[in-house]
N, C-alpha and C. Protein backbone atom coordinates (compact mmCIF):
# COMPACT_ATOMS: atom_id res chain seq x y z
N UNK A 1 2.53 83.06 24.03
CA UNK A 1 2.02 81.92 23.15
C UNK A 1 1.74 82.32 21.85
N UNK A 2 2.01 82.05 20.75
CA UNK A 2 1.05 82.49 19.79
C UNK A 2 -0.06 81.74 19.19
N UNK A 3 -0.81 82.18 18.70
CA UNK A 3 -1.98 81.98 18.28
C UNK A 3 -1.95 80.44 17.82
N UNK A 4 -0.94 80.09 16.44
CA UNK A 4 -0.83 78.51 16.07
C UNK A 4 -0.63 77.71 17.51
N UNK A 5 0.41 78.00 18.41
CA UNK A 5 0.95 77.39 19.09
C UNK A 5 -0.47 77.01 20.01
N UNK A 6 -1.20 77.79 20.16
CA UNK A 6 -2.55 77.66 21.05
C UNK A 6 -3.72 76.70 20.51
N UNK A 7 -3.91 77.34 19.17
CA UNK A 7 -4.34 76.12 18.15
C UNK A 7 -4.30 74.52 18.59
N UNK A 8 -2.79 74.35 17.94
CA UNK A 8 -2.30 73.08 17.52
C UNK A 8 -2.11 72.62 19.23
N UNK A 9 -2.11 73.09 20.44
CA UNK A 9 -2.29 72.22 21.81
C UNK A 9 -3.99 72.18 22.00
N UNK A 10 -4.63 73.11 21.65
CA UNK A 10 -6.25 72.82 21.64
C UNK A 10 -6.68 71.44 20.86
N UNK A 11 -6.27 71.03 19.70
CA UNK A 11 -6.29 69.80 18.72
C UNK A 11 -5.73 68.89 19.42
N UNK A 12 -4.76 68.89 20.26
CA UNK A 12 -4.03 67.88 20.99
C UNK A 12 -4.83 67.31 21.67
N UNK A 13 -5.20 69.23 22.73
CA UNK A 13 -6.38 68.29 23.86
C UNK A 13 -7.34 67.81 23.38
N UNK A 14 -8.07 68.31 22.31
CA UNK A 14 -9.46 67.17 21.50
C UNK A 14 -8.96 65.54 21.20
N UNK A 15 -8.05 65.65 20.49
CA UNK A 15 -7.56 64.22 20.51
C UNK A 15 -7.47 63.34 21.85
N UNK A 16 -6.68 64.14 23.10
CA UNK A 16 -6.82 63.53 24.18
C UNK A 16 -7.69 62.96 24.66
N UNK A 17 -8.88 64.03 24.44
CA UNK A 17 -10.05 63.94 25.41
C UNK A 17 -10.82 62.75 24.89
N UNK A 18 -10.77 62.78 23.81
CA UNK A 18 -11.87 61.76 22.81
C UNK A 18 -10.66 60.03 22.90
N UNK A 19 -9.89 60.21 22.67
CA UNK A 19 -9.08 59.06 23.71
C UNK A 19 -9.36 58.49 25.09
N UNK A 20 -9.48 59.40 25.90
CA UNK A 20 -9.63 59.37 27.53
C UNK A 20 -11.34 58.80 27.20
N UNK A 21 -11.93 59.45 26.36
CA UNK A 21 -13.43 58.88 26.38
C UNK A 21 -13.70 57.34 26.03
N UNK A 22 -13.10 57.00 24.87
CA UNK A 22 -13.04 55.81 24.76
C UNK A 22 -12.85 54.70 25.32
N UNK A 23 -11.58 55.20 26.23
CA UNK A 23 -11.42 53.94 27.10
C UNK A 23 -12.37 53.94 28.21
N UNK A 24 -12.61 54.95 28.66
CA UNK A 24 -13.96 55.08 29.82
C UNK A 24 -14.89 54.31 29.16
N UNK A 25 -15.48 54.29 27.77
CA UNK A 25 -16.94 53.97 27.56
C UNK A 25 -16.36 52.30 27.49
N UNK A 26 -14.73 51.78 27.47
CA UNK A 26 -14.43 50.69 27.46
C UNK A 26 -15.09 50.07 29.12
N UNK A 27 -14.26 50.57 29.81
CA UNK A 27 -14.01 50.65 31.42
C UNK A 27 -15.59 50.53 31.73
N UNK A 28 -16.60 51.36 31.60
CA UNK A 28 -18.18 51.73 31.65
C UNK A 28 -18.72 50.54 31.09
N UNK A 29 -18.93 49.97 29.99
CA UNK A 29 -19.02 48.72 29.70
C UNK A 29 -18.88 47.16 30.14
N UNK A 30 -17.65 47.19 30.69
CA UNK A 30 -16.66 46.39 31.22
C UNK A 30 -17.72 45.91 32.46
N UNK A 31 -17.73 47.13 33.10
CA UNK A 31 -18.50 47.32 34.13
C UNK A 31 -19.80 46.71 34.50
N UNK A 32 -20.56 47.51 33.47
CA UNK A 32 -22.22 46.96 32.93
C UNK A 32 -22.14 45.45 32.95
N UNK A 33 -21.41 44.94 32.11
CA UNK A 33 -21.27 43.94 31.68
C UNK A 33 -20.98 42.30 32.68
N UNK A 34 -19.90 43.03 33.18
CA UNK A 34 -19.28 42.21 33.71
C UNK A 34 -19.50 41.75 35.64
N UNK A 35 -19.27 43.04 35.97
CA UNK A 35 -18.89 42.93 37.45
C UNK A 35 -20.21 43.75 38.30
N UNK A 36 -20.92 44.50 37.62
CA UNK A 36 -22.23 45.05 38.07
C UNK A 36 -21.90 46.24 39.10
N UNK A 37 -20.81 46.76 39.08
CA UNK A 37 -20.30 47.24 40.11
C UNK A 37 -20.61 49.27 39.86
N UNK A 38 -21.77 49.03 40.37
CA UNK A 38 -22.53 50.49 40.22
C UNK A 38 -21.50 51.66 40.74
N UNK A 39 -20.77 51.37 41.48
CA UNK A 39 -20.21 52.39 41.91
C UNK A 39 -18.61 53.04 41.15
N UNK A 40 -18.52 51.73 40.20
CA UNK A 40 -17.07 52.29 39.39
C UNK A 40 -17.95 52.94 38.25
N UNK A 41 -19.03 52.00 38.14
CA UNK A 41 -19.59 52.95 36.92
C UNK A 41 -19.89 54.20 36.78
N UNK A 42 -20.32 54.66 37.81
CA UNK A 42 -20.09 55.95 38.40
C UNK A 42 -19.44 56.63 38.29
N UNK A 43 -18.27 56.16 39.18
CA UNK A 43 -17.12 56.84 38.70
C UNK A 43 -16.91 57.10 37.71
N UNK A 44 -16.41 56.06 36.66
CA UNK A 44 -16.28 56.24 35.22
C UNK A 44 -17.25 57.45 34.20
N UNK A 45 -18.58 57.00 34.97
CA UNK A 45 -19.49 58.22 33.98
C UNK A 45 -18.86 59.43 34.60
N UNK A 46 -18.74 59.80 35.36
CA UNK A 46 -18.39 60.76 36.08
C UNK A 46 -17.22 61.93 35.13
N UNK A 47 -15.92 60.86 35.42
CA UNK A 47 -14.63 61.16 34.58
C UNK A 47 -15.11 61.59 33.32
N UNK A 48 -16.14 60.62 32.76
CA UNK A 48 -16.54 61.10 31.35
C UNK A 48 -16.86 62.09 31.22
N UNK A 49 -18.12 62.53 31.86
CA UNK A 49 -18.92 63.78 32.06
C UNK A 49 -17.53 65.22 32.15
N UNK A 50 -16.39 65.07 32.70
CA UNK A 50 -15.86 65.83 33.16
C UNK A 50 -15.22 66.05 31.85
N UNK A 51 -14.67 65.16 31.03
CA UNK A 51 -14.27 65.14 30.07
C UNK A 51 -14.70 65.78 28.90
N UNK A 52 -16.12 65.42 29.15
CA UNK A 52 -16.93 66.10 27.81
C UNK A 52 -17.36 67.66 27.79
N UNK A 53 -17.33 68.14 29.08
CA UNK A 53 -17.23 69.49 29.51
C UNK A 53 -15.72 70.12 28.76
N UNK A 54 -15.05 69.63 29.45
CA UNK A 54 -13.64 69.99 28.58
C UNK A 54 -13.77 70.38 26.97
N UNK A 55 -14.11 69.24 26.90
CA UNK A 55 -14.12 69.27 24.97
C UNK A 55 -15.14 70.25 24.79
N UNK A 56 -16.54 70.30 25.33
CA UNK A 56 -17.14 71.49 25.24
C UNK A 56 -16.93 72.82 25.12
N UNK A 57 -16.28 73.22 26.11
CA UNK A 57 -15.00 74.25 26.31
C UNK A 57 -14.07 74.54 25.07
N UNK A 58 -13.43 73.20 24.78
CA UNK A 58 -12.70 73.35 23.44
C UNK A 58 -13.48 74.11 22.48
N UNK A 59 -14.40 73.13 22.02
CA UNK A 59 -15.23 73.52 20.76
C UNK A 59 -16.12 74.94 20.52
N UNK A 60 -16.02 75.79 21.95
CA UNK A 60 -16.45 76.89 22.04
C UNK A 60 -15.99 77.85 21.13
N UNK A 61 -14.11 77.89 21.07
CA UNK A 61 -13.34 78.91 20.57
C UNK A 61 -13.70 78.69 19.53
N UNK A 62 -14.37 77.25 18.97
CA UNK A 62 -14.35 77.27 17.22
C UNK A 62 -15.69 77.74 16.92
N UNK A 63 -16.95 78.43 17.37
CA UNK A 63 -17.91 78.73 17.77
C UNK A 63 -18.78 77.08 17.15
N UNK A 64 -18.21 76.29 17.86
CA UNK A 64 -19.26 75.00 17.74
C UNK A 64 -19.38 74.56 19.19
N UNK A 65 -21.11 75.08 18.96
CA UNK A 65 -21.94 74.24 19.95
C UNK A 65 -21.96 73.30 20.42
N UNK A 66 -21.95 72.18 21.58
CA UNK A 66 -22.25 71.10 22.04
C UNK A 66 -22.84 70.77 22.90
N UNK A 67 -24.38 69.68 22.51
CA UNK A 67 -25.17 69.81 23.52
C UNK A 67 -24.80 68.16 24.16
N UNK A 68 -24.54 67.87 25.21
CA UNK A 68 -24.26 66.59 25.81
C UNK A 68 -25.31 65.63 26.33
N UNK A 69 -25.91 64.86 25.62
CA UNK A 69 -26.79 63.82 25.98
C UNK A 69 -26.66 63.26 27.00
N UNK A 70 -27.34 63.25 28.47
CA UNK A 70 -27.20 62.32 29.60
C UNK A 70 -27.52 60.65 28.66
N UNK A 71 -26.76 59.82 29.55
CA UNK A 71 -27.31 58.83 28.71
C UNK A 71 -28.58 57.99 29.42
N UNK A 72 -28.67 58.29 30.74
CA UNK A 72 -30.08 58.07 31.73
C UNK A 72 -31.32 59.05 31.24
N UNK A 73 -30.75 59.66 30.40
CA UNK A 73 -32.29 60.63 29.91
C UNK A 73 -32.95 59.61 28.97
């Protein structure tokens, strides 16, 4: 795999992660405001954390350091 293909793949993955986080934010908001289902909220927040860790790892390849702020903090 060439370096350009790797970069293109990483950029596509960044966009995919951002879309996933956007949708997870919607689902978290829905459950916080309507169902109050704490189990589902924690599941979506866990998924979001994993996506953000993936994003952080990709951005490190570009020498971009990211700190993920815990919403509960």
